C-alpha cells in the first residue's frame, strides 16, 4: 500500500529519498553480505574501506582518522553528517550462514548493516535535489580506545564541511523490529576504563605470614567496587562497575608479587562519574594499604554521555512515523556506550536505536549485541536506511 505524504517540504524531500532508496536495497543487501563475510578489527579497517570505495566510484573520498573516510552529496554550505562504523569485533562467528566470517572477527554489533544502509542512502541522495549537504561519515575504531569519533572531531573536517547536525542509527535487539527509539537527553552512558595493580611480596604458599599476598587484596577490591555503586550512588542514577579481567600468579603454590584487575565504569550523570573515579582510587589504595600492600590505580577517561538533542528529536520523530516506523513510547536507554557522543562537541546529535527484536525482546536470555550468533535480518537494512533518511531531513531543518 502506497504511503500518503503530507504536502510540506520536509516530507516531500523524504518521499523522494525513499523512492530512490528502495531501488538501491538489493545492491545494499549484497554489499552487506560482502562486508559481513570479510570483517576487519578496529584500526585495521582498510580492506573494508577499499570494498566501500569500490562500491562508491562516483564519490570523492576524503580520508579521516587514519582508516576512516567521508563523502559529500548536495550543495556547498551547511550540511548534516550521517555516521556508520567500519570496525568489527574479535568474536568467532556461530551464525551458520554461508556468508559468515571465518577470520576470527565478526560484525556482531551490526556495523555491516549500518554501513550498507548508509551506502544505500548516499546512492539515493545523488538523484535528489538536496537542500543542504549530506556528509556520509564512515568512521573507524568505534569499539576501542582511542576513539575514532574523537579523532574525527579533532581533525576539524566536519567543521570545514559546516556540519550543523550529526545523526547515527544503531540496530538494537532489545527494541521490537520495525520500531525506532530516539528520546531526548541521555540514551547511552559515559564509559571509562580502570586498571588496578596490587603490589605485594612474593613467597611460598606454605608460609603466607612472611609474604604479602596480593590475591586476597584484589578479591576485597573487586567486592568493594560493587558496594560503591550500591551504597554511594543515588539509587535512581544508573551506574555500573564491571570487572572484566583479573590476573595473578604463575603456579599453584607460589604467592605472586602482583595481582591486577581491569574494568569499566559506566555512568549517566557527570557528578557520579567524578565521584566514582575518586572513590575507586580511594578504595583500592586504602584496601591495599590496610593489608600491607600497595595499589597503583590508572583511570582512562573514555566516551562521554550520549545526549540526544531535543530539537532533532522533535523534527525527526514525526518523519519516522510517516515512514511507517513507530517511535518507541518509552525510549530505549542503556549503560552501553558509543563514541558517537563525541560529536556533540561540534553540533547537536541524535542516535536512533532501530529495533531488530521479536516479541520476547525483553527476555533476559535473548541474543544481543556482541553475541556470536547475532545476525539482524535483511529488512533491518531498509529500516535503518529509512531512519537515517528521516535523520537527514530533520537535521536539514535545523541546518537551514
Protein backbone atom coordinates (compact mmCIF):
# COMPACT_ATOMS: atom_id res chain seq x y z
CA UNK A 1 0.00 0.00 0.00
CA UNK A 2 1.47 3.37 -1.03
CA UNK A 3 2.26 5.91 1.64
CA UNK A 4 0.28 9.16 1.57
CA UNK A 5 2.58 12.07 2.28
CA UNK A 6 1.55 15.48 3.64
CA UNK A 7 2.48 18.25 1.22
CA UNK A 8 5.22 20.04 3.13
CA UNK A 9 8.86 20.40 2.05
CA UNK A 10 10.29 18.00 4.66
CA UNK A 11 8.03 15.06 3.87
CA UNK A 12 8.21 15.77 0.13
CA UNK A 13 12.00 15.51 0.33
CA UNK A 14 11.71 12.36 2.39
CA UNK A 15 9.37 10.79 -0.16
CA UNK A 16 11.87 11.49 -2.94
CA UNK A 17 14.69 9.92 -0.95
CA UNK A 18 12.61 6.83 -0.14
CA UNK A 19 11.65 6.32 -3.79
CA UNK A 20 15.32 6.32 -4.78
CA UNK A 21 16.37 4.34 -1.73
CA UNK A 22 14.16 1.36 -2.49
CA UNK A 23 15.90 0.95 -5.84
CA UNK A 24 19.24 0.58 -4.04
CA UNK A 25 18.21 -2.03 -1.47
CA UNK A 26 19.06 -5.21 -3.47
CA UNK A 27 22.57 -3.85 -4.00
CA UNK A 28 22.79 -2.84 -0.33
CA UNK A 29 21.89 -6.38 0.75
CA UNK A 30 24.63 -7.83 -1.45
CA UNK A 31 27.11 -5.30 -0.07
CA UNK A 32 26.08 -6.19 3.50
CA UNK A 33 26.92 -9.86 2.86
CA UNK A 34 30.29 -8.96 1.39
CA UNK A 35 31.17 -6.74 4.35
CA UNK A 36 29.91 -9.33 6.82
CA UNK A 37 31.95 -12.09 5.20
CA UNK A 38 35.16 -10.03 5.46
CA UNK A 39 35.14 -8.08 8.76
CA UNK A 40 38.11 -6.05 9.98
CA UNK A 41 39.06 -5.26 13.55
CA UNK A 42 39.36 -1.73 14.95
CA UNK A 43 42.32 0.14 13.49
CA UNK A 44 42.73 -2.39 10.67
CA UNK A 45 39.68 -1.43 8.59
CA UNK A 46 41.46 -0.61 5.32
CA UNK A 47 40.17 -3.72 3.44
CA UNK A 48 36.61 -2.77 4.43
CA UNK A 49 37.28 0.79 3.27
CA UNK A 50 38.54 -0.49 -0.09
CA UNK A 51 35.37 -2.56 -0.56
CA UNK A 52 33.25 0.50 0.15
CA UNK A 53 35.33 2.74 -2.11
CA UNK A 54 34.98 0.18 -4.90
CA UNK A 55 31.20 0.25 -4.37
CA UNK A 56 31.18 4.09 -4.50
CA UNK A 57 33.07 5.00 -7.69
CA UNK A 58 31.13 8.24 -8.23
CA UNK A 59 32.08 9.79 -4.89
CA UNK A 60 35.09 11.79 -3.83
CA UNK A 61 36.56 10.20 -0.71
CA UNK A 62 38.33 12.23 1.98
CA UNK A 63 40.43 10.28 4.45
CA UNK A 64 39.89 10.91 8.17
CA UNK A 65 41.09 9.34 11.43
CA UNK A 66 43.64 7.17 9.60
CA UNK A 67 41.41 4.35 8.32
CA UNK A 68 38.13 6.28 8.02
CA UNK A 69 36.74 8.42 5.23
CA UNK A 70 33.87 10.73 4.39
CA UNK A 71 31.96 11.66 1.23
CA UNK A 72 29.62 14.52 0.48
CA UNK A 73 26.45 14.88 -1.61
CA UNK A 74 24.45 18.03 -2.27
CA UNK A 75 25.14 21.76 -2.29
CA UNK A 76 28.01 23.61 -0.60
CA UNK A 77 27.38 25.33 2.71
CA UNK A 78 25.67 23.84 5.78
CA UNK A 79 25.44 20.05 5.99
CA UNK A 80 24.12 17.13 8.04
CA UNK A 81 26.52 14.27 8.77
CA UNK A 82 25.36 10.64 8.99
CA UNK A 83 27.71 8.18 10.71
CA UNK A 84 28.33 4.46 10.19
CA UNK A 85 31.07 2.40 11.86
CA UNK A 86 33.71 0.40 9.97
CA UNK A 87 35.05 -1.96 12.62
CA UNK A 88 34.14 -5.48 13.72
CA UNK A 89 34.74 -7.37 16.97
CA UNK A 90 37.18 -10.16 17.95
CA UNK A 91 34.33 -12.70 18.08
CA UNK A 92 34.28 -16.11 16.40
CA UNK A 93 31.02 -16.24 14.44
CA UNK A 94 28.48 -19.02 15.02
CA UNK A 95 25.56 -17.93 12.81
CA UNK A 96 25.87 -20.79 10.32
CA UNK A 97 25.03 -18.64 7.26
CA UNK A 98 27.03 -19.26 4.10
CA UNK A 99 28.32 -15.69 4.19
CA UNK A 100 29.63 -15.98 7.75
CA UNK A 101 33.05 -14.68 8.64
CA UNK A 102 35.84 -17.22 9.04
CA UNK A 103 38.74 -14.94 10.02
CA UNK A 104 38.12 -14.80 13.79
CA UNK A 105 36.42 -11.40 13.64
CA UNK A 106 32.68 -10.71 13.33
CA UNK A 107 30.23 -7.89 12.73
CA UNK A 108 28.50 -8.91 15.95
CA UNK A 109 27.39 -5.33 16.64
CA UNK A 110 25.56 -4.80 13.35
CA UNK A 111 28.05 -2.40 11.79
CA UNK A 112 27.69 -4.23 8.46
CA UNK A 113 24.01 -3.23 8.47
CA UNK A 114 24.89 0.37 9.33
CA UNK A 115 27.46 0.60 6.52
CA UNK A 116 25.18 -0.86 3.84
CA UNK A 117 22.25 1.33 4.94
CA UNK A 118 24.34 4.50 4.75
CA UNK A 119 25.72 3.39 1.38
CA UNK A 120 22.17 2.93 0.05
CA UNK A 121 21.05 6.35 1.28
CA UNK A 122 24.08 8.08 -0.24
CA UNK A 123 23.38 6.42 -3.58
CA UNK A 124 19.76 7.54 -3.37
CA UNK A 125 20.72 11.09 -2.43
CA UNK A 126 22.71 11.51 -5.65
CA UNK A 127 19.40 11.55 -7.56
CA UNK A 128 17.59 14.05 -5.31
CA UNK A 129 17.85 17.84 -5.15
CA UNK A 130 19.07 18.23 -1.57
CA UNK A 131 18.50 21.47 0.38
CA UNK A 132 21.73 21.12 2.40
CA UNK A 133 24.81 18.93 2.13
CA UNK A 134 24.77 15.31 3.23
CA UNK A 135 28.09 14.10 4.62
CA UNK A 136 28.46 10.33 4.82
CA UNK A 137 30.95 9.56 7.57
CA UNK A 138 32.49 6.08 7.59
CA UNK A 139 34.14 6.07 11.00
CA UNK A 140 36.85 3.71 12.28
CA UNK A 141 37.53 2.41 15.80
CA UNK A 142 34.13 2.69 17.45
CA UNK A 143 34.80 -0.42 19.54
CA UNK A 144 38.13 0.59 21.12
CA UNK A 145 40.07 3.43 22.65
CA UNK A 146 41.45 5.78 21.46
CA UNK A 147 38.11 6.62 19.93
CA UNK A 148 37.70 7.05 16.20
CA UNK A 149 34.97 9.64 16.71
CA UNK A 150 37.20 11.72 18.95
CA UNK A 151 39.86 11.78 16.24
CA UNK A 152 37.30 12.73 13.59
CA UNK A 153 36.20 15.67 15.75
CA UNK A 154 39.83 16.66 16.31
CA UNK A 155 40.51 16.68 12.56
CA UNK A 156 38.06 19.60 12.14
CA UNK A 157 36.88 18.14 8.81
CA UNK A 158 33.26 18.26 9.94
CA UNK A 159 33.65 21.94 10.78
CA UNK A 160 35.15 22.54 7.34
CA UNK A 161 32.03 20.93 5.86
CA UNK A 162 29.85 23.23 8.01
CA UNK A 163 28.12 20.28 9.68
CA UNK A 164 25.15 21.54 11.69
CA UNK A 165 23.90 18.17 12.99
CA UNK A 166 25.26 14.63 13.29
CA UNK A 167 22.89 11.66 13.13
CA UNK A 168 23.52 7.97 13.73
CA UNK A 169 21.49 4.79 13.84
CA UNK A 170 22.23 1.51 15.61
CA UNK A 171 20.44 -1.83 15.35
CA UNK A 172 19.15 -2.89 18.74
CA UNK A 173 17.68 -6.34 19.50
CA UNK A 174 16.10 -5.10 22.74
CA UNK A 175 13.78 -2.85 20.67
CA UNK A 176 10.99 -4.58 18.66
CA UNK A 177 11.63 -4.98 14.94
CA UNK A 178 10.42 -2.01 12.91
CA UNK A 179 10.29 0.29 15.93
CA UNK A 180 12.75 3.17 16.31
CA UNK A 181 13.75 4.63 19.66
CA UNK A 182 15.01 8.21 19.89
CA UNK A 183 14.37 10.01 23.19
CA UNK A 184 15.57 13.36 24.45
CA UNK A 185 18.62 13.50 26.71
CA UNK A 186 20.89 10.70 27.88
CA UNK A 187 20.43 7.43 25.98
CA UNK A 188 23.93 5.93 26.47
CA UNK A 189 26.31 6.16 29.38
CA UNK A 190 29.79 7.57 29.77
CA UNK A 191 32.34 4.75 29.85
CA UNK A 192 35.77 4.97 31.47
CA UNK A 193 38.30 2.18 31.93
CA UNK A 194 40.35 1.44 35.05
CA UNK A 195 43.44 -0.66 35.70
CA UNK A 196 44.45 -1.53 39.27
CA UNK A 197 47.73 -3.28 40.07
CA UNK A 198 48.31 -4.54 43.62
CA UNK A 199 51.93 -4.93 44.69
CA UNK A 200 52.58 -7.41 47.49
CA UNK A 201 55.57 -9.51 48.49
CA UNK A 202 56.02 -12.94 46.84
CA UNK A 203 56.71 -16.15 48.69
CA UNK A 204 55.97 -19.82 49.24
CA UNK A 205 52.31 -20.80 49.64
CA UNK A 206 53.16 -22.67 52.85
CA UNK A 207 54.48 -19.52 54.55
CA UNK A 208 51.93 -16.72 53.97
CA UNK A 209 53.00 -14.98 57.16
CA UNK A 210 56.34 -13.99 55.63
CA UNK A 211 54.77 -12.75 52.38
CA UNK A 212 52.14 -10.17 51.44
CA UNK A 213 49.59 -11.92 49.24
CA UNK A 214 48.06 -9.55 46.65
CA UNK A 215 45.33 -12.02 45.63
CA UNK A 216 43.01 -11.58 48.66
CA UNK A 217 43.63 -7.83 48.39
CA UNK A 218 42.46 -7.98 44.79
CA UNK A 219 39.40 -10.01 45.83
CA UNK A 220 38.48 -7.49 48.50
CA UNK A 221 38.75 -4.65 45.99
CA UNK A 222 36.54 -6.48 43.47
CA UNK A 223 33.81 -6.92 46.11
CA UNK A 224 34.24 -3.37 47.36
CA UNK A 225 33.75 -1.96 43.86
CA UNK A 226 30.24 -3.42 43.74
CA UNK A 227 29.41 -1.75 47.05
CA UNK A 228 30.49 1.63 45.70
CA UNK A 229 27.57 1.70 43.28
CA UNK A 230 25.01 0.25 45.70
CA UNK A 231 25.97 2.40 48.67
CA UNK A 232 27.46 5.67 47.36
CA UNK A 233 25.48 6.46 44.18
CA UNK A 234 21.88 7.75 44.17
CA UNK A 235 19.72 4.64 43.55
CA UNK A 236 17.77 6.39 40.78
CA UNK A 237 21.00 7.24 38.89
CA UNK A 238 22.11 4.43 36.55
CA UNK A 239 25.72 3.37 37.22
CA UNK A 240 27.62 0.14 36.65
CA UNK A 241 31.14 -1.00 37.54
CA UNK A 242 32.27 -4.10 35.67
CA UNK A 243 35.46 -6.03 36.43
CA UNK A 244 36.16 -7.74 33.14
CA UNK A 245 39.63 -9.19 33.72
CA UNK A 246 41.72 -10.30 36.71
CA UNK A 247 45.28 -11.63 36.60
CA UNK A 248 47.61 -13.10 39.21
CA UNK A 249 50.15 -15.84 39.75
CA UNK A 250 52.13 -18.42 37.82
CA UNK A 251 51.77 -21.63 39.88
CA UNK A 252 49.56 -23.34 42.49
CA UNK A 253 51.96 -22.95 45.39
CA UNK A 254 53.54 -19.55 44.80
CA UNK A 255 52.26 -16.35 46.34
CA UNK A 256 52.65 -13.84 43.47
CA UNK A 257 54.26 -10.46 43.71
CA UNK A 258 51.42 -8.66 41.91
CA UNK A 259 47.76 -9.05 41.05
CA UNK A 260 45.70 -6.85 38.76
CA UNK A 261 42.11 -6.13 37.86
CA UNK A 262 40.72 -4.25 34.90
CA UNK A 263 37.24 -2.95 34.22
CA UNK A 264 34.81 -0.25 33.11
CA UNK A 265 32.86 2.47 34.91
CA UNK A 266 29.53 3.45 33.31
CA UNK A 267 27.58 6.50 34.47
CA UNK A 268 24.75 8.70 33.22
CA UNK A 269 25.48 11.74 35.42
CA UNK A 270 28.71 13.71 35.43
CA UNK A 271 28.72 14.07 39.22
CA UNK A 272 28.57 10.27 39.58
CA UNK A 273 31.40 9.90 37.09
CA UNK A 274 33.62 12.29 39.07
CA UNK A 275 32.65 10.66 42.37
CA UNK A 276 33.36 7.09 41.25
CA UNK A 277 36.75 7.98 39.78
CA UNK A 278 37.84 9.31 43.17
CA UNK A 279 36.08 6.55 45.14
CA UNK A 280 37.68 3.73 43.16
CA UNK A 281 41.12 5.21 43.67
CA UNK A 282 40.49 5.64 47.40
CA UNK A 283 39.04 2.14 47.84
CA UNK A 284 41.93 0.43 46.06
CA UNK A 285 44.68 2.37 47.75
CA UNK A 286 43.26 2.07 51.28
CA UNK A 287 42.29 -1.59 50.92
CA UNK A 288 45.81 -2.42 49.82
CA UNK A 289 47.48 -0.25 52.46
CA UNK A 290 45.39 -1.84 55.21
CA UNK A 291 46.89 -5.22 54.29
CA UNK A 292 50.46 -4.04 53.88
CA UNK A 293 50.32 -3.91 50.10
CA UNK A 294 50.34 -1.04 47.63
CA UNK A 295 47.88 -0.30 44.79
CA UNK A 296 48.52 1.65 41.59
CA UNK A 297 45.31 2.94 40.03
CA UNK A 298 45.02 4.22 36.47
CA UNK A 299 41.70 5.58 35.18
CA UNK A 300 41.36 6.14 31.43
CA UNK A 301 38.68 8.69 30.57
CA UNK A 302 36.64 7.40 27.64
CA UNK A 303 33.40 8.34 25.91
CA UNK A 304 31.08 10.95 27.47
CA UNK A 305 27.34 10.52 27.99
CA UNK A 306 25.39 10.42 24.72
CA UNK A 307 22.69 13.09 24.93
CA UNK A 308 20.12 13.32 22.12
CA UNK A 309 19.30 16.88 21.10
CA UNK A 310 15.72 17.91 21.86
CA UNK A 311 15.18 19.81 18.59
CA UNK A 312 16.44 16.94 16.46
CA UNK A 313 14.12 14.51 18.23
CA UNK A 314 11.19 16.87 17.68
CA UNK A 315 11.98 17.19 13.97
CA UNK A 316 12.72 13.52 13.32
CA UNK A 317 10.05 11.65 15.32
CA UNK A 318 7.10 12.74 13.10
CA UNK A 319 9.10 11.81 9.99
CA UNK A 320 9.74 8.32 11.33
CA UNK A 321 6.02 7.86 11.92
CA UNK A 322 5.27 8.98 8.34
CA UNK A 323 7.70 6.31 7.16
CA UNK A 324 5.76 3.61 8.99
CA UNK A 325 8.41 3.25 11.68
CA UNK A 326 6.68 3.65 15.05
CA UNK A 327 8.64 5.61 17.63
CA UNK A 328 9.10 3.76 20.92
CA UNK A 329 6.71 5.13 23.56
CA UNK A 330 9.36 4.57 26.24
CA UNK A 331 12.79 5.48 24.83
CA UNK A 332 15.45 2.80 24.97
CA UNK A 333 18.24 3.92 27.29
CA UNK A 334 21.16 1.80 28.41
CA UNK A 335 24.50 1.91 30.15
CA UNK A 336 26.10 0.87 26.89
CA UNK A 337 28.47 3.46 25.46
CA UNK A 338 29.13 4.77 21.96
CA UNK A 339 31.85 7.16 20.87
CA UNK A 340 29.18 8.89 18.75
CA UNK A 341 28.76 11.05 21.88
CA UNK A 342 31.97 12.94 20.99
CA UNK A 343 30.23 14.62 18.03
CA UNK A 344 28.18 16.70 20.47
CA UNK A 345 31.31 18.84 20.89
CA UNK A 346 30.74 20.34 17.43
CA UNK A 347 26.99 20.01 16.70
CA UNK A 348 23.66 18.73 18.03
CA UNK A 349 23.49 14.93 17.78
CA UNK A 350 20.82 12.25 17.51
CA UNK A 351 21.30 8.50 17.98
CA UNK A 352 18.38 6.31 16.90
CA UNK A 353 18.04 2.68 18.01
CA UNK A 354 16.46 0.68 15.21
CA UNK A 355 14.72 -2.42 16.51
CA UNK A 356 15.60 -5.93 15.38
CA UNK A 357 13.98 -7.82 18.26
CA UNK A 358 10.99 -10.16 18.34
CA UNK A 359 8.01 -10.44 20.71
CA UNK A 360 10.23 -11.60 23.58
CA UNK A 361 12.60 -8.66 23.22
CA UNK A 362 12.58 -8.05 26.96
CA UNK A 363 13.60 -11.59 27.87
CA UNK A 364 16.90 -11.88 29.74
CA UNK A 365 18.08 -14.79 27.61
CA UNK A 366 17.59 -13.10 24.23
CA UNK A 367 20.61 -12.99 21.91
CA UNK A 368 22.03 -9.48 21.96
CA UNK A 369 24.82 -7.35 20.58
CA UNK A 370 28.33 -8.84 20.62
CA UNK A 371 26.93 -12.40 20.66
CA UNK A 372 28.46 -14.89 18.17
CA UNK A 373 25.00 -15.71 16.74
CA UNK A 374 23.72 -12.11 16.42
CA UNK A 375 22.54 -11.61 12.82
CA UNK A 376 19.90 -8.95 12.02
CA UNK A 377 17.54 -9.78 9.17
CA UNK A 378 17.92 -8.08 5.77
CA UNK A 379 14.86 -5.93 6.47
CA UNK A 380 16.92 -4.10 9.11
CA UNK A 381 18.96 -2.52 6.29
CA UNK A 382 15.87 -0.79 4.96
CA UNK A 383 14.65 0.18 8.42
CA UNK A 384 17.99 1.72 9.30
CA UNK A 385 18.34 3.49 5.94
CA UNK A 386 14.84 4.96 6.36
CA UNK A 387 15.72 6.14 9.86
CA UNK A 388 18.89 7.80 8.55
CA UNK A 389 16.86 9.46 5.79
CA UNK A 390 14.49 10.86 8.41
CA UNK A 391 17.53 11.95 10.43
CA UNK A 392 18.96 13.81 7.44
CA UNK A 393 15.68 15.57 6.64
CA UNK A 394 15.16 16.51 10.30
CA UNK A 395 18.74 17.71 10.55
CA UNK A 396 18.30 19.76 7.37
CA UNK A 397 15.51 21.70 9.08
CA UNK A 398 17.95 22.52 11.85
CA UNK A 399 20.80 23.34 9.46
CA UNK A 400 18.99 25.86 7.25
